[in-house]
Protein backbone atom coordinates (compact mmCIF):
# COMPACT_ATOMS: atom_id res chain seq x y z
CA MET A 1 -13.90 32.38 13.87
CA ALA A 2 -10.49 30.89 13.64
CA VAL A 3 -9.39 28.84 10.63
CA TYR A 4 -7.42 25.78 11.96
CA THR A 5 -4.45 24.56 9.95
CA SER A 6 -2.56 21.28 10.07
CA GLY A 7 -0.51 22.79 13.00
CA GLY A 8 -3.17 21.22 15.15
CA SER A 9 -3.19 17.94 13.43
CA SER A 10 -1.29 14.52 13.63
CA VAL A 11 -1.27 11.18 11.93
CA HIS A 12 -0.09 7.88 13.42
CA TYR A 13 -0.39 4.25 12.57
CA GLY A 14 -0.12 0.88 14.22
CA PHE A 15 -0.18 -2.71 13.04
CA GLU A 16 -3.32 -4.71 13.63
CA ASN A 17 -3.37 -8.32 14.84
CA THR A 18 -3.11 -10.52 11.76
CA ALA A 19 -5.92 -12.70 13.05
CA THR A 20 -8.46 -9.89 13.52
CA PHE A 21 -8.61 -7.78 10.37
CA GLY A 22 -10.23 -4.43 10.79
CA THR A 23 -10.00 -4.46 14.66
CA ALA A 24 -8.09 -1.36 15.85
CA ALA A 25 -4.49 -1.87 16.69
CA SER A 26 -3.83 -2.11 20.32
CA SER A 27 -1.21 0.81 19.91
CA ILE A 28 -1.37 3.51 17.30
CA ASN A 29 1.69 5.47 17.84
CA LYS A 30 4.09 4.81 15.00
CA THR A 31 5.05 7.71 12.75
CA PHE A 32 5.94 7.33 8.97
CA GLY A 33 8.87 9.70 9.07
CA LEU A 34 9.86 13.35 8.93
CA ASN A 35 7.78 15.96 7.12
CA THR A 36 4.70 13.63 7.18
CA GLN A 37 1.80 14.80 5.18
CA VAL A 38 -1.53 13.28 4.18
CA SER A 39 -2.11 14.31 0.66
CA ASN A 40 -5.28 12.37 0.28
CA LEU A 41 -7.97 11.02 2.73
CA SER A 42 -11.26 10.08 1.21
CA VAL A 43 -14.18 7.73 2.06
CA ASN A 44 -16.84 6.46 -0.29
CA THR A 45 -20.18 4.75 0.55
CA ASN A 46 -20.79 3.63 -3.13
CA ARG A 47 -24.28 5.36 -3.19
CA MET A 48 -26.89 3.70 -5.43
CA GLN A 49 -29.82 5.85 -6.84
CA LEU A 50 -33.30 4.20 -6.96
CA ALA A 51 -36.02 5.60 -9.13
CA GLN A 52 -39.67 4.50 -9.96
CA LEU A 53 -42.12 4.63 -12.76
CA GLY A 54 -43.94 7.90 -13.32
CA GLN A 55 -41.22 10.44 -12.27
CA VAL A 56 -37.76 11.44 -13.19
CA GLU A 57 -36.61 12.37 -9.64
CA PRO A 58 -34.90 9.66 -7.61
CA THR A 59 -37.08 8.13 -4.93
CA THR A 60 -34.45 7.10 -2.48
CA PHE A 61 -30.82 6.02 -2.13
CA ALA A 62 -29.16 2.90 -0.95
CA TYR A 63 -25.55 2.39 0.05
CA GLY A 64 -23.07 -0.34 -0.70
CA GLN A 65 -19.52 -1.19 0.41
CA GLN A 66 -17.60 1.51 2.38
CA SER A 67 -14.14 2.06 0.92
CA GLY A 68 -11.57 4.77 1.36
CA THR A 69 -8.08 5.72 0.21
CA ILE A 70 -5.18 7.35 2.10
CA SER A 71 -1.97 8.79 0.52
CA VAL A 72 0.87 9.72 2.92
CA GLY A 73 4.13 11.39 1.97
CA PHE A 74 7.16 11.74 4.23
CA THR A 75 10.96 12.00 4.39
CA TRP A 76 12.77 8.92 5.47
CA ASP A 77 14.71 8.89 8.67
CA ASP A 78 17.39 6.45 9.65
CA THR A 79 15.58 4.96 12.60
CA ASN A 80 11.75 4.95 12.54
CA SER A 81 10.65 4.89 8.87
CA GLN A 82 11.80 1.35 8.21
CA ASP A 83 8.93 -0.05 10.30
CA ILE A 84 6.57 0.45 7.35
CA PHE A 85 8.25 -2.43 5.42
CA GLN A 86 6.31 -4.79 7.72
CA SER A 87 3.09 -3.74 5.86
CA ILE A 88 4.35 -5.56 2.65
CA TYR A 89 6.69 -8.25 3.97
CA GLY A 90 5.34 -9.06 7.45
CA GLU A 91 7.23 -9.14 10.61
CA PRO A 92 11.02 -9.14 10.10
CA SER A 93 13.51 -11.52 11.67
CA GLY A 94 16.68 -10.33 13.50
CA ASN A 95 17.28 -7.34 15.77
CA THR A 96 18.27 -3.74 15.58
CA SER A 97 21.67 -4.64 14.17
CA ALA A 98 19.94 -6.39 11.15
CA TRP A 99 16.25 -6.59 10.48
CA ALA A 100 15.57 -8.79 7.51
CA TYR A 101 12.47 -8.67 5.21
CA PRO A 102 11.15 -11.13 4.48
CA ALA A 103 11.89 -12.92 7.73
CA SER A 104 14.84 -15.43 7.65
CA SER A 105 15.68 -14.58 4.02
CA THR A 106 19.27 -14.75 3.00
CA THR A 107 18.85 -13.58 -0.64
CA PRO A 108 15.91 -11.99 -2.59
CA LEU A 109 14.93 -15.29 -3.99
CA SER A 110 15.46 -17.47 -0.91
CA HIS A 111 12.09 -16.83 0.61
CA ASN A 112 9.03 -16.08 -1.57
CA THR A 113 6.61 -13.39 -0.16
CA SER A 114 3.53 -15.27 0.99
CA PRO A 115 0.40 -14.29 -0.81
CA ALA A 116 -1.34 -14.48 2.59
CA VAL A 117 0.71 -11.71 4.07
CA ILE A 118 -1.86 -9.00 4.87
CA ASN A 119 -0.38 -6.82 7.53
CA SER A 120 -3.27 -4.41 7.91
CA LEU A 121 -2.85 -1.04 9.72
CA SER A 122 -5.02 1.23 11.76
CA VAL A 123 -4.43 4.88 10.88
CA GLN A 124 -5.41 7.61 13.33
CA VAL A 125 -5.81 11.28 12.25
CA ASP A 126 -6.53 13.95 14.75
CA GLN A 127 -7.73 17.40 13.62
CA GLN A 128 -8.05 20.51 15.97
CA LEU A 129 -11.44 22.21 15.62
CA THR A 130 -11.69 24.61 18.50
CA GLY A 131 -9.65 25.89 21.41
CA ALA A 132 -6.28 27.52 22.04
CA TYR A 133 -3.02 26.21 20.61
CA ASP A 134 -1.62 25.13 24.01
CA TYR A 135 0.51 22.08 24.44
CA SER A 136 1.09 22.52 28.10
CA ASP A 137 2.54 19.14 28.82
CA GLY A 138 4.63 18.86 25.69
CA SER A 139 2.74 15.87 24.23
CA THR A 140 -0.96 16.66 24.20
CA ASN A 141 -3.28 19.66 23.57
CA THR A 142 -5.68 19.74 26.62
CA THR A 143 -7.69 22.78 25.67
CA ALA A 144 -8.86 21.98 22.13
CA THR A 145 -11.92 20.15 20.70
CA ARG A 146 -10.70 17.60 18.31
CA LEU A 147 -12.02 15.38 15.54
CA ARG A 148 -10.25 11.92 15.67
CA ARG A 149 -10.72 9.57 12.72
CA THR A 150 -9.64 6.02 13.04
CA MET A 151 -9.39 4.10 9.73
CA LYS A 152 -9.18 0.38 10.32
CA GLY A 153 -8.29 -2.47 7.95
CA CYS A 154 -5.87 -0.27 6.00
CA VAL A 155 -3.93 -2.27 3.41
CA VAL A 156 -0.85 -0.85 1.80
CA THR A 157 -1.22 -1.01 -2.05
CA GLY A 158 2.12 0.93 -2.81
CA LEU A 159 5.21 1.85 -1.00
CA GLY A 160 7.74 4.12 -2.68
CA ILE A 161 11.26 5.43 -2.09
CA SER A 162 12.95 8.04 -4.26
CA THR A 163 15.80 10.51 -4.19
CA SER A 164 17.74 12.63 -6.56
CA VAL A 165 20.87 14.94 -6.33
CA GLY A 166 20.10 17.82 -4.15
CA GLY A 167 17.03 16.29 -2.44
CA THR A 168 15.83 14.16 0.56
CA VAL A 169 14.93 10.58 0.44
CA ASP A 170 11.17 10.73 0.02
CA GLY A 171 8.64 8.12 0.82
CA THR A 172 5.01 7.49 -0.31
CA VAL A 173 2.48 5.13 1.11
CA GLU A 174 -0.78 4.41 -0.70
CA MET A 175 -3.52 2.65 1.29
CA VAL A 176 -7.04 1.40 0.83
CA TYR A 177 -9.32 0.76 3.81
CA GLY A 178 -12.89 -0.39 4.33
CA LYS A 179 -13.83 0.45 7.96
CA GLU A 180 -14.31 3.84 9.41
CA GLU A 181 -17.02 4.04 11.95
CA PRO A 182 -19.02 7.23 12.73
CA THR A 183 -17.14 9.66 14.96
CA ALA A 184 -17.95 13.03 16.45
CA GLU A 185 -16.38 16.17 17.84
CA ALA A 186 -14.96 15.48 21.24
CA GLY A 187 -13.23 17.32 23.96
CA GLY A 188 -9.97 16.06 25.46
CA THR A 189 -6.57 15.65 23.96
CA ILE A 190 -5.07 15.72 20.61
CA SER A 191 -2.15 13.33 20.20
CA ASN A 192 0.88 15.44 19.30
CA GLN A 193 2.92 14.14 16.42
CA THR A 194 5.39 11.62 17.71
CA PRO A 195 8.88 13.12 17.67
CA ILE A 196 11.45 11.44 15.36
CA ALA A 197 14.65 10.24 17.03
CA GLY A 198 16.32 9.51 13.73
CA LYS A 199 18.14 11.79 11.33
CA PRO A 200 16.68 12.64 7.86
CA LEU A 201 18.18 10.76 4.84
CA THR A 202 19.17 12.72 1.72
CA PHE A 203 20.68 11.83 -1.57
CA ALA A 204 24.13 12.04 0.01
CA HIS A 205 23.37 9.03 2.03
CA GLY A 206 22.46 6.93 -0.97
CA SER A 207 24.04 4.66 -3.58
CA PHE A 208 22.67 2.67 -6.48
CA LYS A 209 24.53 -0.28 -8.09
CA LEU A 210 23.80 -2.60 -10.87
CA SER A 211 25.12 -5.74 -12.37
CA ASP A 212 27.54 -5.26 -15.28
CA GLY A 213 27.34 -8.95 -16.03
CA SER A 214 30.01 -10.06 -13.61
CA ALA A 215 29.38 -8.02 -10.39
CA ILE A 216 27.29 -5.29 -8.68
CA ARG A 217 29.01 -2.06 -9.60
CA THR A 218 28.33 1.74 -9.67
CA LEU A 219 28.00 2.53 -13.36
CA GLY A 220 28.36 6.17 -13.88
CA GLU A 221 27.39 9.07 -11.73
CA ILE A 222 23.81 8.32 -10.47
CA GLN A 223 21.54 11.28 -10.63
CA SER A 224 18.34 9.76 -9.26
CA ALA A 225 16.83 6.41 -8.25
CA ASN A 226 13.53 5.18 -7.17
CA CYS A 227 11.69 2.05 -6.44
CA ASN A 228 8.18 1.12 -5.64
CA PHE A 229 6.60 -1.98 -4.08
CA GLY A 230 3.08 -2.58 -5.43
CA THR A 231 1.08 -5.16 -3.64
CA ASN A 232 -2.03 -4.91 -5.88
CA ALA A 233 -4.13 -5.71 -2.71
CA ASN A 234 -7.89 -5.54 -2.89
CA LEU A 235 -10.54 -5.42 -0.04
CA LEU A 236 -12.91 -8.30 0.45
CA TYR A 237 -16.43 -7.95 1.54
CA GLN A 238 -19.18 -10.41 2.50
CA LEU A 239 -23.04 -10.44 3.05
CA GLY A 240 -24.12 -8.83 6.30
CA SER A 241 -21.82 -5.78 6.50
CA HIS A 242 -20.74 -2.94 4.29
CA TYR A 243 -17.32 -2.90 6.02
CA SER A 244 -14.59 -4.91 4.48
CA VAL A 245 -13.84 -8.14 6.35
CA ASN A 246 -10.52 -9.04 4.88
CA ALA A 247 -8.08 -8.27 1.97
CA PHE A 248 -6.12 -10.30 -0.57
CA ARG A 249 -2.94 -9.74 -2.57
CA GLN A 250 -2.36 -10.38 -6.34
CA ILE A 251 0.90 -10.01 -8.35
CA PHE A 252 3.63 -8.31 -6.39
CA ASP A 253 5.08 -5.68 -8.67
CA ILE A 254 8.53 -4.42 -7.79
CA THR A 255 9.45 -1.56 -10.13
CA GLY A 256 11.89 1.36 -10.25
CA ASN A 257 13.88 3.71 -12.33
CA PHE A 258 17.39 5.18 -12.33
CA ASN A 259 19.18 7.96 -14.19
CA THR A 260 22.88 8.06 -14.63
CA THR A 261 25.71 9.54 -16.85
CA PHE A 262 26.14 7.60 -20.12
CA LYS A 263 29.49 6.01 -19.74
CA THR A 264 29.05 2.43 -20.95
CA PHE A 265 27.09 0.58 -23.54
CA LYS A 266 26.28 -2.27 -21.17
CA HIS A 267 22.71 -0.97 -20.21
CA LEU A 268 21.67 -0.28 -23.71
CA ASP A 269 23.35 -3.57 -24.89
CA HIS A 270 21.32 -5.52 -22.28
CA VAL A 271 18.08 -3.83 -23.30
CA LEU A 272 18.58 -4.81 -26.97
CA LYS A 273 19.78 -8.35 -26.22
CA GLN A 274 17.21 -9.38 -23.55
CA ALA A 275 14.42 -9.68 -26.07
CA ILE A 276 16.28 -11.92 -28.52
CA PRO A 277 15.43 -15.62 -27.99
CA ALA A 278 18.56 -17.33 -27.05
CA GLN A 279 17.82 -20.53 -28.98
CA VAL A 280 17.63 -18.58 -32.22
CA GLY A 281 20.18 -15.86 -32.10
CA VAL A 282 20.50 -12.89 -34.46
CA ASP A 283 23.70 -12.23 -36.51
CA GLY A 284 25.79 -14.24 -34.06
CA VAL A 285 24.75 -12.05 -31.05
CA THR A 286 25.11 -13.83 -27.73
CA THR A 287 21.83 -13.12 -26.00
CA ASN A 288 20.91 -12.76 -22.39
CA ASP A 289 17.22 -13.46 -22.03
CA ASP A 290 17.71 -15.18 -18.63
CA VAL A 291 17.43 -12.21 -16.19
CA SER A 292 17.86 -14.42 -13.06
CA SER A 293 21.51 -13.42 -12.63
CA VAL A 294 20.97 -9.61 -13.09
CA GLY A 295 20.69 -7.80 -9.88
CA ALA A 296 20.58 -4.27 -8.33
CA GLU A 297 21.20 -2.61 -4.91
CA LEU A 298 19.88 0.48 -3.49
CA VAL A 299 21.54 1.49 -0.19
CA PHE A 300 21.04 4.45 2.23
CA THR A 301 23.78 4.74 4.98
CA SER A 302 23.81 6.97 7.95
CA GLY A 303 26.75 6.24 10.24
CA ASN A 304 26.18 2.59 11.31
CA LYS A 305 22.56 2.61 10.25
CA HIS A 306 21.48 1.62 6.84
CA ILE A 307 18.68 0.56 4.65
CA THR A 308 19.76 -1.94 2.03
CA ILE A 309 17.48 -3.15 -0.76
CA ASP A 310 18.67 -5.96 -2.96
CA PHE A 311 16.82 -6.65 -6.26
CA ALA A 312 17.02 -10.02 -8.09
CA GLY A 313 15.87 -10.90 -11.57
CA VAL A 314 16.05 -7.41 -12.87
CA THR A 315 14.68 -6.71 -16.30
CA PHE A 316 14.55 -3.49 -18.32
CA ASP A 317 11.55 -2.20 -20.20
CA SER A 318 13.21 0.53 -22.18
CA HIS A 319 16.36 2.80 -22.45
CA SER A 320 16.22 6.60 -22.87
CA THR A 321 19.16 8.81 -23.85
CA GLU A 322 18.98 12.40 -22.63
CA GLY A 323 21.22 15.43 -23.12
CA LEU A 324 22.34 14.98 -26.79
CA VAL A 325 22.53 18.74 -27.07
CA PRO A 326 25.61 21.08 -27.33
CA VAL A 327 27.97 21.16 -24.24
CA GLN A 328 25.66 19.17 -21.94
CA PRO A 329 26.44 15.74 -20.27
CA VAL A 330 24.69 12.80 -21.67
CA PHE A 331 22.47 10.74 -19.43
CA GLU A 332 20.55 7.48 -19.64
CA SER A 333 17.37 6.49 -17.83
CA LEU A 334 16.21 2.86 -17.40
CA PRO A 335 12.96 1.79 -15.85
CA PHE A 336 13.20 -1.71 -14.36
CA LYS A 337 11.16 -4.44 -12.81
CA ALA A 338 12.50 -7.05 -10.45
CA ARG A 339 11.19 -10.57 -9.72
CA ALA A 340 11.98 -10.29 -5.93
CA ALA A 341 13.66 -8.05 -3.34
CA ARG A 342 15.15 -8.45 0.11
CA ILE A 343 15.52 -5.56 2.54
CA VAL A 344 17.96 -5.44 5.49
CA THR A 345 17.84 -2.44 7.78
CA ARG A 346 19.99 -1.53 10.77
CA THR A 347 18.66 0.99 13.36
CA ALA A 348 21.20 0.46 16.06
CA ALA A 349 23.64 3.35 16.24
């Protein structure tokens, strides 16, 4: 009996109607990016064990809320991958020359992200179980038996972007979901993975800039940069169904980290000063505990296409110095957190 690999599998997603949480999207044909991989797909029924007097064995079992998790990794491309930003910011404004998230925003702080923004997804995973590997029409496998799983009411809890010298621009999407109905093996077609029209993004397409107190500048040779958008979303249940019926968001965490050559004292100076209360002062030091003017910018450019992420209200948690060893360059790493971000993408060539 053959052992079937991911060569007969595919994963796609689509945005559900915001008014009908948990109802399958009308079209599930979007792809996350290149080199897409599902590193985790699990479902839990929250089983409860019931016992009775007079025995040590359980008598029966009951089941609570259904909940599941999905983790997807991929390489960002310059055309399709940006669609996933809608899952955390809602539908953008603009056109292919400039999509803006949040919609109608002009700066990171000009439009607050609404706590009511729940852009749930339907995620479809096809797995080949039997049959020859024969894509006769170039888009579907007509000879296989497939297992199709459709996870509805998927809510993105984390969206990450990272790159480093010598690597690609990698993406991660963490999701929770609360509705997967029973399925069965079925004949018919397996959806082939949607081809990507865009080009892969690498470290060579990227730049990271940070405020030096007067302007956004490149400070040193950036070695790596990453950011993560954490929605801290949770599923909501009600009496009458073990499926989730909605979701809600909590604090929006925008975090990141960058590593660069140690060429200026400004980063360390800012970390040391930001915690000193301005109204007190220490040894005559002028402090900067108001982070509203500190910004950062992460950009990936491919020809005319780009993804630009502007961060506002950036604050640092710590400062690490690396490379204080003989004949090695000295680097510094700074994890940061931002109050807000604005994303502008261009997908037109």
